[in-house]
Amino acid sequence: MTGDPICPLCLRPIPPGVPQSLHHLVPRLKGGKGGPTVLMHHICHKEIHATLSEAELARDWNTPEALRAHPRLATFAAWVAKRPPEFLSKVPGRRRKR
């Protein structure tokens, strides 16, 4: 074990120097200001926001377990888990249905 924090979406370590960000489990604009946050890979954080709206995140997808259970995020997590922690890829534009 490396001692590095573990991304709650892909479950890979987050070594120092790898792009990372804090994800508010309940979006700040939906009452999550000051609420719980999780450190994750930037690519994983971007995928969450490309997949789900702030309202959906606040209502139904506000735990790491729920996020990992989302069908598209589970597929993404399985795919990205095969890549090294420093792997970066552009997340295509918004794919979420409005």
PDB file of N, CA and C in Angstrom:
ATOM      1  N   MET A   1       0.862  -1.199   0.000  1.00  0.00           N
ATOM      2  CA  MET A   1       0.000   0.000   0.000  1.00  0.00           C
ATOM      3  C   MET A   1       0.886   1.232   0.000  1.00  0.00           C
ATOM      4  N   THR A   2       0.535   2.202  -0.799  1.00  0.00           N
ATOM      5  CA  THR A   2       1.383   3.375  -0.969  1.00  0.00           C
ATOM      6  C   THR A   2       1.157   4.437   0.099  1.00  0.00           C
ATOM      7  N   GLY A   3       0.033   4.425   0.768  1.00  0.00           N
ATOM      8  CA  GLY A   3      -0.259   5.482   1.724  1.00  0.00           C
ATOM      9  C   GLY A   3      -0.903   6.687   1.069  1.00  0.00           C
ATOM     10  N   ASP A   4      -0.981   6.683  -0.268  1.00  0.00           N
ATOM     11  CA  ASP A   4      -1.641   7.782  -0.972  1.00  0.00           C
ATOM     12  C   ASP A   4      -3.144   7.670  -0.762  1.00  0.00           C
ATOM     13  N   PRO A   5      -3.854   8.822  -0.806  1.00  0.00           N
ATOM     14  CA  PRO A   5      -5.319   8.741  -0.710  1.00  0.00           C
ATOM     15  C   PRO A   5      -5.878   7.919  -1.873  1.00  0.00           C
ATOM     16  N   ILE A   6      -7.038   7.337  -1.668  1.00  0.00           N
ATOM     17  CA  ILE A   6      -7.694   6.501  -2.686  1.00  0.00           C
ATOM     18  C   ILE A   6      -8.886   7.263  -3.249  1.00  0.00           C
ATOM     19  N   CYS A   7      -8.985   7.287  -4.576  1.00  0.00           N
ATOM     20  CA  CYS A   7     -10.122   7.942  -5.233  1.00  0.00           C
ATOM     21  C   CYS A   7     -11.388   7.132  -4.949  1.00  0.00           C
ATOM     22  N   PRO A   8     -12.452   7.768  -4.452  1.00  0.00           N
ATOM     23  CA  PRO A   8     -13.661   7.019  -4.112  1.00  0.00           C
ATOM     24  C   PRO A   8     -14.463   6.543  -5.324  1.00  0.00           C
ATOM     25  N   LEU A   9     -14.131   7.021  -6.532  1.00  0.00           N
ATOM     26  CA  LEU A   9     -14.855   6.548  -7.710  1.00  0.00           C
ATOM     27  C   LEU A   9     -14.143   5.354  -8.345  1.00  0.00           C
ATOM     28  N   CYS A  10     -12.863   5.525  -8.707  1.00  0.00           N
ATOM     29  CA  CYS A  10     -12.151   4.453  -9.413  1.00  0.00           C
ATOM     30  C   CYS A  10     -11.354   3.549  -8.484  1.00  0.00           C
ATOM     31  N   LEU A  11     -11.212   3.962  -7.219  1.00  0.00           N
ATOM     32  CA  LEU A  11     -10.506   3.190  -6.197  1.00  0.00           C
ATOM     33  C   LEU A  11      -9.014   3.032  -6.476  1.00  0.00           C
ATOM     34  N   ARG A  12      -8.452   3.906  -7.324  1.00  0.00           N
ATOM     35  CA  ARG A  12      -7.001   3.930  -7.553  1.00  0.00           C
ATOM     36  C   ARG A  12      -6.371   4.929  -6.590  1.00  0.00           C
ATOM     37  N   PRO A  13      -5.074   4.748  -6.265  1.00  0.00           N
ATOM     38  CA  PRO A  13      -4.397   5.745  -5.430  1.00  0.00           C
ATOM     39  C   PRO A  13      -4.268   7.078  -6.153  1.00  0.00           C
ATOM     40  N   ILE A  14      -4.154   8.140  -5.367  1.00  0.00           N
ATOM     41  CA  ILE A  14      -3.948   9.493  -5.907  1.00  0.00           C
ATOM     42  C   ILE A  14      -2.568   9.959  -5.431  1.00  0.00           C
ATOM     43  N   PRO A  15      -1.511   9.666  -6.214  1.00  0.00           N
ATOM     44  CA  PRO A  15      -0.174  10.065  -5.778  1.00  0.00           C
ATOM     45  C   PRO A  15       0.012  11.580  -5.848  1.00  0.00           C
ATOM     46  N   PRO A  16       0.983  12.110  -5.106  1.00  0.00           N
ATOM     47  CA  PRO A  16       1.257  13.551  -5.183  1.00  0.00           C
ATOM     48  C   PRO A  16       1.582  13.954  -6.625  1.00  0.00           C
ATOM     49  N   GLY A  17       1.138  15.129  -7.013  1.00  0.00           N
ATOM     50  CA  GLY A  17       1.428  15.644  -8.352  1.00  0.00           C
ATOM     51  C   GLY A  17       0.430  15.227  -9.417  1.00  0.00           C
ATOM     52  N   VAL A  18      -0.460  14.296  -9.101  1.00  0.00           N
ATOM     53  CA  VAL A  18      -1.482  13.875 -10.058  1.00  0.00           C
ATOM     54  C   VAL A  18      -2.652  14.852  -9.962  1.00  0.00           C
ATOM     55  N   PRO A  19      -3.199  15.311 -11.117  1.00  0.00           N
ATOM     56  CA  PRO A  19      -4.342  16.239 -11.049  1.00  0.00           C
ATOM     57  C   PRO A  19      -5.473  15.650 -10.208  1.00  0.00           C
ATOM     58  N   GLN A  20      -5.900  16.421  -9.224  1.00  0.00           N
ATOM     59  CA  GLN A  20      -6.921  15.972  -8.286  1.00  0.00           C
ATOM     60  C   GLN A  20      -7.819  17.138  -7.930  1.00  0.00           C
ATOM     61  N   SER A  21      -8.969  16.834  -7.404  1.00  0.00           N
ATOM     62  CA  SER A  21      -9.875  17.904  -6.982  1.00  0.00           C
ATOM     63  C   SER A  21     -10.783  17.388  -5.873  1.00  0.00           C
ATOM     64  N   LEU A  22     -11.368  18.335  -5.151  1.00  0.00           N
ATOM     65  CA  LEU A  22     -12.318  18.004  -4.098  1.00  0.00           C
ATOM     66  C   LEU A  22     -13.726  18.011  -4.688  1.00  0.00           C
ATOM     67  N   HIS A  23     -14.473  16.964  -4.432  1.00  0.00           N
ATOM     68  CA  HIS A  23     -15.854  16.868  -4.909  1.00  0.00           C
ATOM     69  C   HIS A  23     -16.780  17.020  -3.707  1.00  0.00           C
ATOM     70  N   HIS A  24     -17.687  17.983  -3.777  1.00  0.00           N
ATOM     71  CA  HIS A  24     -18.719  18.134  -2.747  1.00  0.00           C
ATOM     72  C   HIS A  24     -19.780  17.067  -2.998  1.00  0.00           C
ATOM     73  N   LEU A  25     -20.002  16.197  -2.025  1.00  0.00           N
ATOM     74  CA  LEU A  25     -20.977  15.121  -2.216  1.00  0.00           C
ATOM     75  C   LEU A  25     -22.375  15.675  -2.454  1.00  0.00           C
ATOM     76  N   VAL A  26     -22.713  16.774  -1.809  1.00  0.00           N
ATOM     77  CA  VAL A  26     -23.924  17.529  -2.137  1.00  0.00           C
ATOM     78  C   VAL A  26     -23.415  18.841  -2.735  1.00  0.00           C
ATOM     79  N   PRO A  27     -23.778  19.151  -3.988  1.00  0.00           N
ATOM     80  CA  PRO A  27     -23.261  20.367  -4.620  1.00  0.00           C
ATOM     81  C   PRO A  27     -23.490  21.608  -3.759  1.00  0.00           C
ATOM     82  N   ARG A  28     -22.502  22.499  -3.779  1.00  0.00           N
ATOM     83  CA  ARG A  28     -22.589  23.723  -2.976  1.00  0.00           C
ATOM     84  C   ARG A  28     -23.859  24.501  -3.259  1.00  0.00           C
ATOM     85  N   LEU A  29     -24.252  24.575  -4.527  1.00  0.00           N
ATOM     86  CA  LEU A  29     -25.439  25.349  -4.886  1.00  0.00           C
ATOM     87  C   LEU A  29     -26.737  24.665  -4.460  1.00  0.00           C
ATOM     88  N   LYS A  30     -26.636  23.415  -4.034  1.00  0.00           N
ATOM     89  CA  LYS A  30     -27.825  22.668  -3.604  1.00  0.00           C
ATOM     90  C   LYS A  30     -27.778  22.395  -2.101  1.00  0.00           C
ATOM     91  N   GLY A  31     -27.080  23.240  -1.359  1.00  0.00           N
ATOM     92  CA  GLY A  31     -27.051  23.117   0.095  1.00  0.00           C
ATOM     93  C   GLY A  31     -25.840  22.411   0.652  1.00  0.00           C
ATOM     94  N   GLY A  32     -24.872  22.108  -0.192  1.00  0.00           N
ATOM     95  CA  GLY A  32     -23.708  21.359   0.278  1.00  0.00           C
ATOM     96  C   GLY A  32     -22.523  22.203   0.707  1.00  0.00           C
ATOM     97  N   LYS A  33     -22.672  23.527   0.722  1.00  0.00           N
ATOM     98  CA  LYS A  33     -21.557  24.369   1.151  1.00  0.00           C
ATOM     99  C   LYS A  33     -21.206  24.026   2.590  1.00  0.00           C
ATOM    100  N   GLY A  34     -19.957  23.689   2.832  1.00  0.00           N
ATOM    101  CA  GLY A  34     -19.539  23.280   4.161  1.00  0.00           C
ATOM    102  C   GLY A  34     -19.829  21.821   4.459  1.00  0.00           C
ATOM    103  N   GLY A  35     -20.420  21.117   3.495  1.00  0.00           N
ATOM    104  CA  GLY A  35     -20.735  19.700   3.689  1.00  0.00           C
ATOM    105  C   GLY A  35     -19.547  18.815   3.362  1.00  0.00           C
ATOM    106  N   PRO A  36     -19.761  17.512   3.390  1.00  0.00           N
ATOM    107  CA  PRO A  36     -18.652  16.588   3.162  1.00  0.00           C
ATOM    108  C   PRO A  36     -18.099  16.671   1.745  1.00  0.00           C
ATOM    109  N   THR A  37     -16.772  16.532   1.653  1.00  0.00           N
ATOM    110  CA  THR A  37     -16.095  16.496   0.358  1.00  0.00           C
ATOM    111  C   THR A  37     -15.224  15.249   0.311  1.00  0.00           C
ATOM    112  N   VAL A  38     -14.900  14.829  -0.899  1.00  0.00           N
ATOM    113  CA  VAL A  38     -13.976  13.712  -1.097  1.00  0.00           C
ATOM    114  C   VAL A  38     -12.926  14.143  -2.117  1.00  0.00           C
ATOM    115  N   LEU A  39     -11.684  13.715  -1.880  1.00  0.00           N
ATOM    116  CA  LEU A  39     -10.598  13.977  -2.811  1.00  0.00           C
ATOM    117  C   LEU A  39     -10.646  12.909  -3.884  1.00  0.00           C
ATOM    118  N   MET A  40     -10.554  13.330  -5.147  1.00  0.00           N
ATOM    119  CA  MET A  40     -10.585  12.360  -6.239  1.00  0.00           C
ATOM    120  C   MET A  40      -9.714  12.820  -7.392  1.00  0.00           C
ATOM    121  N   HIS A  41      -9.437  11.892  -8.307  1.00  0.00           N
ATOM    122  CA  HIS A  41      -8.728  12.259  -9.531  1.00  0.00           C
ATOM    123  C   HIS A  41      -9.565  13.289 -10.272  1.00  0.00           C
ATOM    124  N   HIS A  42      -8.890  14.240 -10.884  1.00  0.00           N
ATOM    125  CA  HIS A  42      -9.609  15.268 -11.636  1.00  0.00           C
ATOM    126  C   HIS A  42     -10.448  14.642 -12.758  1.00  0.00           C
ATOM    127  N   ILE A  43      -9.901  13.630 -13.437  1.00  0.00           N
ATOM    128  CA  ILE A  43     -10.632  12.984 -14.532  1.00  0.00           C
ATOM    129  C   ILE A  43     -11.928  12.332 -14.010  1.00  0.00           C
ATOM    130  N   CYS A  44     -11.872  11.760 -12.817  1.00  0.00           N
ATOM    131  CA  CYS A  44     -13.064  11.129 -12.232  1.00  0.00           C
ATOM    132  C   CYS A  44     -14.100  12.191 -11.847  1.00  0.00           C
ATOM    133  N   HIS A  45     -13.610  13.305 -11.289  1.00  0.00           N
ATOM    134  CA  HIS A  45     -14.497  14.406 -10.906  1.00  0.00           C
ATOM    135  C   HIS A  45     -15.198  14.973 -12.142  1.00  0.00           C
ATOM    136  N   LYS A  46     -14.434  15.160 -13.225  1.00  0.00           N
ATOM    137  CA  LYS A  46     -15.037  15.692 -14.453  1.00  0.00           C
ATOM    138  C   LYS A  46     -16.095  14.749 -15.008  1.00  0.00           C
ATOM    139  N   GLU A  47     -15.843  13.452 -14.904  1.00  0.00           N
ATOM    140  CA  GLU A  47     -16.812  12.473 -15.419  1.00  0.00           C
ATOM    141  C   GLU A  47     -18.117  12.524 -14.630  1.00  0.00           C
ATOM    142  N   ILE A  48     -18.027  12.702 -13.327  1.00  0.00           N
ATOM    143  CA  ILE A  48     -19.239  12.812 -12.503  1.00  0.00           C
ATOM    144  C   ILE A  48     -20.088  13.979 -12.981  1.00  0.00           C
ATOM    145  N   HIS A  49     -19.447  15.141 -13.186  1.00  0.00           N
ATOM    146  CA  HIS A  49     -20.213  16.325 -13.576  1.00  0.00           C
ATOM    147  C   HIS A  49     -20.643  16.299 -15.044  1.00  0.00           C
ATOM    148  N   ALA A  50     -19.972  15.501 -15.870  1.00  0.00           N
ATOM    149  CA  ALA A  50     -20.424  15.326 -17.255  1.00  0.00           C
ATOM    150  C   ALA A  50     -21.628  14.383 -17.314  1.00  0.00           C
ATOM    151  N   THR A  51     -21.786  13.577 -16.276  1.00  0.00           N
ATOM    152  CA  THR A  51     -22.837  12.562 -16.261  1.00  0.00           C
ATOM    153  C   THR A  51     -24.105  13.037 -15.556  1.00  0.00           C
ATOM    154  N   LEU A  52     -23.949  13.728 -14.436  1.00  0.00           N
ATOM    155  CA  LEU A  52     -25.094  14.039 -13.580  1.00  0.00           C
ATOM    156  C   LEU A  52     -25.254  15.536 -13.363  1.00  0.00           C
ATOM    157  N   SER A  53     -26.496  15.980 -13.273  1.00  0.00           N
ATOM    158  CA  SER A  53     -26.771  17.388 -12.973  1.00  0.00           C
ATOM    159  C   SER A  53     -26.570  17.624 -11.479  1.00  0.00           C
ATOM    160  N   GLU A  54     -26.467  18.887 -11.102  1.00  0.00           N
ATOM    161  CA  GLU A  54     -26.320  19.225  -9.684  1.00  0.00           C
ATOM    162  C   GLU A  54     -27.530  18.719  -8.888  1.00  0.00           C
ATOM    163  N   ALA A  55     -28.722  18.851  -9.465  1.00  0.00           N
ATOM    164  CA  ALA A  55     -29.934  18.385  -8.776  1.00  0.00           C
ATOM    165  C   ALA A  55     -29.893  16.872  -8.586  1.00  0.00           C
ATOM    166  N   GLU A  56     -29.469  16.136  -9.619  1.00  0.00           N
ATOM    167  CA  GLU A  56     -29.375  14.673  -9.497  1.00  0.00           C
ATOM    168  C   GLU A  56     -28.347  14.283  -8.436  1.00  0.00           C
ATOM    169  N   LEU A  57     -27.205  14.984  -8.433  1.00  0.00           N
ATOM    170  CA  LEU A  57     -26.176  14.700  -7.430  1.00  0.00           C
ATOM    171  C   LEU A  57     -26.718  14.922  -6.020  1.00  0.00           C
ATOM    172  N   ALA A  58     -27.404  16.043  -5.817  1.00  0.00           N
ATOM    173  CA  ALA A  58     -27.927  16.371  -4.486  1.00  0.00           C
ATOM    174  C   ALA A  58     -28.991  15.372  -4.044  1.00  0.00           C
ATOM    175  N   ARG A  59     -29.842  14.967  -4.984  1.00  0.00           N
ATOM    176  CA  ARG A  59     -31.005  14.142  -4.646  1.00  0.00           C
ATOM    177  C   ARG A  59     -30.652  12.659  -4.493  1.00  0.00           C
ATOM    178  N   ASP A  60     -29.920  12.103  -5.460  1.00  0.00           N
ATOM    179  CA  ASP A  60     -29.786  10.641  -5.515  1.00  0.00           C
ATOM    180  C   ASP A  60     -28.364  10.090  -5.496  1.00  0.00           C
ATOM    181  N   TRP A  61     -27.391  10.912  -5.790  1.00  0.00           N
ATOM    182  CA  TRP A  61     -26.032  10.399  -6.009  1.00  0.00           C
ATOM    183  C   TRP A  61     -25.028  11.115  -5.101  1.00  0.00           C
ATOM    184  N   ASN A  62     -25.319  11.178  -3.802  1.00  0.00           N
ATOM    185  CA  ASN A  62     -24.522  11.997  -2.891  1.00  0.00           C
ATOM    186  C   ASN A  62     -23.640  11.203  -1.934  1.00  0.00           C
ATOM    187  N   THR A  63     -23.310   9.964  -2.310  1.00  0.00           N
ATOM    188  CA  THR A  63     -22.324   9.183  -1.554  1.00  0.00           C
ATOM    189  C   THR A  63     -21.380   8.521  -2.556  1.00  0.00           C
ATOM    190  N   PRO A  64     -20.150   8.203  -2.133  1.00  0.00           N
ATOM    191  CA  PRO A  64     -19.247   7.489  -3.049  1.00  0.00           C
ATOM    192  C   PRO A  64     -19.839   6.160  -3.512  1.00  0.00           C
ATOM    193  N   GLU A  65     -20.552   5.464  -2.617  1.00  0.00           N
ATOM    194  CA  GLU A  65     -21.153   4.174  -2.978  1.00  0.00           C
ATOM    195  C   GLU A  65     -22.215   4.351  -4.066  1.00  0.00           C
ATOM    196  N   ALA A  66     -23.032   5.387  -3.930  1.00  0.00           N
ATOM    197  CA  ALA A  66     -24.063   5.650  -4.938  1.00  0.00           C
ATOM    198  C   ALA A  66     -23.419   6.002  -6.275  1.00  0.00           C
ATOM    199  N   LEU A  67     -22.378   6.829  -6.248  1.00  0.00           N
ATOM    200  CA  LEU A  67     -21.705   7.206  -7.495  1.00  0.00           C
ATOM    201  C   LEU A  67     -21.128   5.976  -8.194  1.00  0.00           C
ATOM    202  N   ARG A  68     -20.499   5.082  -7.424  1.00  0.00           N
ATOM    203  CA  ARG A  68     -19.937   3.865  -8.028  1.00  0.00           C
ATOM    204  C   ARG A  68     -21.023   2.953  -8.568  1.00  0.00           C
ATOM    205  N   ALA A  69     -22.251   3.056  -8.044  1.00  0.00           N
ATOM    206  CA  ALA A  69     -23.360   2.203  -8.494  1.00  0.00           C
ATOM    207  C   ALA A  69     -24.047   2.752  -9.741  1.00  0.00           C
ATOM    208  N   HIS A  70     -23.799   4.024 -10.094  1.00  0.00           N
ATOM    209  CA  HIS A  70     -24.424   4.606 -11.287  1.00  0.00           C
ATOM    210  C   HIS A  70     -23.905   3.851 -12.511  1.00  0.00           C
ATOM    211  N   PRO A  71     -24.782   3.403 -13.404  1.00  0.00           N
ATOM    212  CA  PRO A  71     -24.335   2.562 -14.529  1.00  0.00           C
ATOM    213  C   PRO A  71     -23.206   3.183 -15.359  1.00  0.00           C
ATOM    214  N   ARG A  72     -23.350   4.438 -15.770  1.00  0.00           N
ATOM    215  CA  ARG A  72     -22.304   5.022 -16.605  1.00  0.00           C
ATOM    216  C   ARG A  72     -21.023   5.264 -15.817  1.00  0.00           C
ATOM    217  N   LEU A  73     -21.147   5.699 -14.574  1.00  0.00           N
ATOM    218  CA  LEU A  73     -19.953   5.940 -13.768  1.00  0.00           C
ATOM    219  C   LEU A  73     -19.257   4.625 -13.414  1.00  0.00           C
ATOM    220  N   ALA A  74     -20.017   3.550 -13.227  1.00  0.00           N
ATOM    221  CA  ALA A  74     -19.414   2.237 -12.960  1.00  0.00           C
ATOM    222  C   ALA A  74     -18.609   1.778 -14.178  1.00  0.00           C
ATOM    223  N   THR A  75     -19.153   1.984 -15.369  1.00  0.00           N
ATOM    224  CA  THR A  75     -18.439   1.629 -16.600  1.00  0.00           C
ATOM    225  C   THR A  75     -17.168   2.455 -16.729  1.00  0.00           C
ATOM    226  N   PHE A  76     -17.279   3.761 -16.477  1.00  0.00           N
ATOM    227  CA  PHE A  76     -16.114   4.638 -16.533  1.00  0.00           C
ATOM    228  C   PHE A  76     -15.064   4.196 -15.516  1.00  0.00           C
ATOM    229  N   ALA A  77     -15.490   3.932 -14.278  1.00  0.00           N
ATOM    230  CA  ALA A  77     -14.546   3.558 -13.216  1.00  0.00           C
ATOM    231  C   ALA A  77     -13.811   2.268 -13.576  1.00  0.00           C
ATOM    232  N   ALA A  78     -14.512   1.297 -14.141  1.00  0.00           N
ATOM    233  CA  ALA A  78     -13.874   0.043 -14.546  1.00  0.00           C
ATOM    234  C   ALA A  78     -12.858   0.301 -15.655  1.00  0.00           C
ATOM    235  N   TRP A  79     -13.190   1.195 -16.581  1.00  0.00           N
ATOM    236  CA  TRP A  79     -12.291   1.530 -17.679  1.00  0.00           C
ATOM    237  C   TRP A  79     -11.052   2.263 -17.173  1.00  0.00           C
ATOM    238  N   VAL A  80     -11.246   3.293 -16.371  1.00  0.00           N
ATOM    239  CA  VAL A  80     -10.120   4.120 -15.928  1.00  0.00           C
ATOM    240  C   VAL A  80      -9.261   3.376 -14.903  1.00  0.00           C
ATOM    241  N   ALA A  81      -9.822   2.403 -14.200  1.00  0.00           N
ATOM    242  CA  ALA A  81      -9.054   1.654 -13.203  1.00  0.00           C
ATOM    243  C   ALA A  81      -7.903   0.875 -13.834  1.00  0.00           C
ATOM    244  N   LYS A  82      -7.998   0.625 -15.144  1.00  0.00           N
ATOM    245  CA  LYS A  82      -6.947  -0.111 -15.851  1.00  0.00           C
ATOM    246  C   LYS A  82      -5.799   0.808 -16.259  1.00  0.00           C
ATOM    247  N   ARG A  83      -5.946   2.098 -16.030  1.00  0.00           N
ATOM    248  CA  ARG A  83      -4.929   3.062 -16.412  1.00  0.00           C
ATOM    249  C   ARG A  83      -4.123   3.499 -15.187  1.00  0.00           C
ATOM    250  N   PRO A  84      -2.911   4.029 -15.425  1.00  0.00           N
ATOM    251  CA  PRO A  84      -2.117   4.494 -14.286  1.00  0.00           C
ATOM    252  C   PRO A  84      -2.770   5.712 -13.631  1.00  0.00           C
ATOM    253  N   PRO A  85      -2.477   5.964 -12.345  1.00  0.00           N
ATOM    254  CA  PRO A  85      -3.121   7.072 -11.626  1.00  0.00           C
ATOM    255  C   PRO A  85      -2.923   8.440 -12.285  1.00  0.00           C
ATOM    256  N   GLU A  86      -1.821   8.613 -13.003  1.00  0.00           N
ATOM    257  CA  GLU A  86      -1.562   9.921 -13.627  1.00  0.00           C
ATOM    258  C   GLU A  86      -2.230  10.064 -14.996  1.00  0.00           C
ATOM    259  N   PHE A  87      -2.983   9.037 -15.421  1.00  0.00           N
ATOM    260  CA  PHE A  87      -3.642   9.069 -16.723  1.00  0.00           C
ATOM    261  C   PHE A  87      -4.600  10.255 -16.830  1.00  0.00           C
ATOM    262  N   LEU A  88      -4.524  10.960 -17.941  1.00  0.00           N
ATOM    263  CA  LEU A  88      -5.429  12.076 -18.220  1.00  0.00           C
ATOM    264  C   LEU A  88      -6.079  11.860 -19.567  1.00  0.00           C
ATOM    265  N   SER A  89      -7.304  12.259 -19.685  1.00  0.00           N
ATOM    266  CA  SER A  89      -8.024  12.189 -20.947  1.00  0.00           C
ATOM    267  C   SER A  89      -9.063  13.283 -20.928  1.00  0.00           C
ATOM    268  N   LYS A  90      -9.336  13.821 -22.066  1.00  0.00           N
ATOM    269  CA  LYS A  90     -10.383  14.828 -22.122  1.00  0.00           C
ATOM    270  C   LYS A  90     -11.736  14.142 -22.004  1.00  0.00           C
ATOM    271  N   VAL A  91     -12.584  14.690 -21.169  1.00  0.00           N
ATOM    272  CA  VAL A  91     -13.959  14.210 -21.092  1.00  0.00           C
ATOM    273  C   VAL A  91     -14.716  14.970 -22.173  1.00  0.00           C
ATOM    274  N   PRO A  92     -15.354  14.259 -23.104  1.00  0.00           N
ATOM    275  CA  PRO A  92     -16.092  14.982 -24.150  1.00  0.00           C
ATOM    276  C   PRO A  92     -17.109  15.942 -23.539  1.00  0.00           C
ATOM    277  N   GLY A  93     -17.575  16.877 -24.350  1.00  0.00           N
ATOM    278  CA  GLY A  93     -18.552  17.859 -23.882  1.00  0.00           C
ATOM    279  C   GLY A  93     -19.715  17.207 -23.166  1.00  0.00           C
ATOM    280  N   ARG A  94     -20.578  18.008 -22.652  1.00  0.00           N
ATOM    281  CA  ARG A  94     -21.694  17.487 -21.861  1.00  0.00           C
ATOM    282  C   ARG A  94     -22.444  16.402 -22.610  1.00  0.00           C
ATOM    283  N   ARG A  95     -22.539  15.244 -21.970  1.00  0.00           N
ATOM    284  CA  ARG A  95     -23.247  14.126 -22.586  1.00  0.00           C
ATOM    285  C   ARG A  95     -24.553  13.859 -21.885  1.00  0.00           C
ATOM    286  N   ARG A  96     -24.795  14.599 -20.840  1.00  0.00           N
ATOM    287  CA  ARG A  96     -26.006  14.317 -20.059  1.00  0.00           C
ATOM    288  C   ARG A  96     -27.213  14.815 -20.820  1.00  0.00           C
ATOM    289  N   LYS A  97     -28.292  14.061 -20.733  1.00  0.00           N
ATOM    290  CA  LYS A  97     -29.541  14.463 -21.400  1.00  0.00           C
ATOM    291  C   LYS A  97     -30.225  15.534 -20.581  1.00  0.00           C
ATOM    292  N   ARG A  98     -30.667  16.551 -21.223  1.00  0.00           N
ATOM    293  CA  ARG A  98     -31.350  17.654 -20.518  1.00  0.00           C
ATOM    294  C   ARG A  98     -32.847  17.444 -20.555  1.00  0.00           C
TER     295      ARG A  98
END
